[in-house]
Amino acid sequence: MAEIFASMFQDEALVVKSLIESAGIEAELAGEHIVDVYPAFFPESGGMVVSVPDEDIEDAKSIVADYLARKAAGAAAEATGSKP
């Protein structure tokens, strides 16, 4: 398994994991349940980490890149007051 995405926000990591899984790629989310027990976990470990099998790295990277591009476009549109 290889780390493909990390986020300080559980909801964002869950979205990325879901996008990867919807493409038929197995994905694991490290730290998914520890946040409920130990909230200080995030700064010490880099947050929630989404991992995929080594053979799916390139496909997963493409999915993550698309997600990040859409997120950036939405943030830019919000900053300028236009629609994405």
Protein backbone atom coordinates (compact mmCIF):
# COMPACT_ATOMS: atom_id res chain seq x y z
CA MET A 1 0.00 0.00 0.00
CA ALA A 2 1.18 3.49 -0.83
CA GLU A 3 0.10 6.82 0.64
CA ILE A 4 -1.79 8.76 -2.00
CA PHE A 5 -3.44 11.59 -0.04
CA ALA A 6 -3.28 13.14 3.43
CA SER A 7 -5.56 15.70 5.04
CA MET A 8 -5.98 17.30 8.41
CA PHE A 9 -9.75 17.03 7.90
CA GLN A 10 -11.57 13.74 8.30
CA ASP A 11 -14.40 14.71 5.97
CA GLU A 12 -12.01 15.57 3.13
CA ALA A 13 -10.10 12.31 3.54
CA LEU A 14 -13.38 10.38 3.48
CA VAL A 15 -14.42 12.15 0.26
CA VAL A 16 -11.13 11.26 -1.44
CA LYS A 17 -11.34 7.66 -0.20
CA SER A 18 -14.87 7.42 -1.57
CA LEU A 19 -13.85 8.85 -4.96
CA ILE A 20 -11.04 6.32 -5.23
CA GLU A 21 -13.28 3.42 -4.21
CA SER A 22 -15.97 4.50 -6.68
CA ALA A 23 -13.35 3.96 -9.41
CA GLY A 24 -12.98 0.35 -8.25
CA ILE A 25 -9.73 0.88 -6.38
CA GLU A 26 -9.26 -0.46 -2.86
CA ALA A 27 -8.46 2.35 -0.43
CA GLU A 28 -7.61 2.44 3.26
CA LEU A 29 -7.90 5.39 5.60
CA ALA A 30 -5.37 5.43 8.43
CA GLY A 31 -6.53 7.25 11.54
CA GLU A 32 -10.21 7.06 10.64
CA HIS A 33 -11.35 6.18 14.15
CA ILE A 34 -8.54 7.51 16.31
CA VAL A 35 -9.76 11.10 15.93
CA ASP A 36 -12.74 10.24 18.14
CA VAL A 37 -10.44 8.98 20.89
CA TYR A 38 -7.41 11.21 20.49
CA PRO A 39 -8.09 14.49 18.63
CA ALA A 40 -4.49 15.66 19.01
CA PHE A 41 -3.50 12.78 16.71
CA PHE A 42 -3.63 14.97 13.60
CA PRO A 43 -0.79 17.44 14.11
CA GLU A 44 1.56 14.74 15.31
CA SER A 45 1.03 12.32 12.42
CA GLY A 46 0.12 14.46 9.44
CA GLY A 47 -3.59 13.78 9.59
CA MET A 48 -5.76 11.22 7.88
CA VAL A 49 -3.86 9.22 5.28
CA VAL A 50 -5.49 7.51 2.29
CA SER A 51 -3.50 4.58 0.89
CA VAL A 52 -3.98 2.40 -2.17
CA PRO A 53 -2.33 -0.78 -3.47
CA ASP A 54 0.95 -0.15 -5.30
CA GLU A 55 -0.49 -1.29 -8.63
CA ASP A 56 -3.21 1.40 -8.45
CA ILE A 57 -1.00 4.39 -7.60
CA GLU A 58 -1.16 6.10 -11.00
CA ASP A 59 -4.96 5.78 -11.33
CA ALA A 60 -5.45 7.00 -7.76
CA LYS A 61 -3.09 9.95 -8.34
CA SER A 62 -5.22 10.97 -11.30
CA ILE A 63 -8.38 10.88 -9.16
CA VAL A 64 -6.73 12.92 -6.40
CA ALA A 65 -5.39 15.45 -8.94
CA ASP A 66 -8.88 15.88 -10.40
CA TYR A 67 -10.34 16.35 -6.91
CA LEU A 68 -7.71 18.95 -5.99
CA ALA A 69 -8.23 20.83 -9.28
CA ARG A 70 -11.98 20.98 -8.70
CA LYS A 71 -11.42 22.10 -5.12
CA ALA A 72 -9.05 24.87 -6.26
CA ALA A 73 -11.48 26.01 -8.97
CA GLY A 74 -14.27 26.19 -6.39
CA ALA A 75 -12.11 28.20 -4.00
CA ALA A 76 -11.05 30.59 -6.76
CA ALA A 77 -14.64 31.09 -7.86
CA GLU A 78 -15.71 31.71 -4.29
CA ALA A 79 -12.95 34.28 -3.81
CA THR A 80 -13.98 36.22 -6.91
CA GLY A 81 -17.70 35.79 -6.35
CA SER A 82 -18.24 33.94 -9.64
CA LYS A 83 -19.66 30.50 -10.29
CA PRO A 84 -17.20 27.57 -10.65
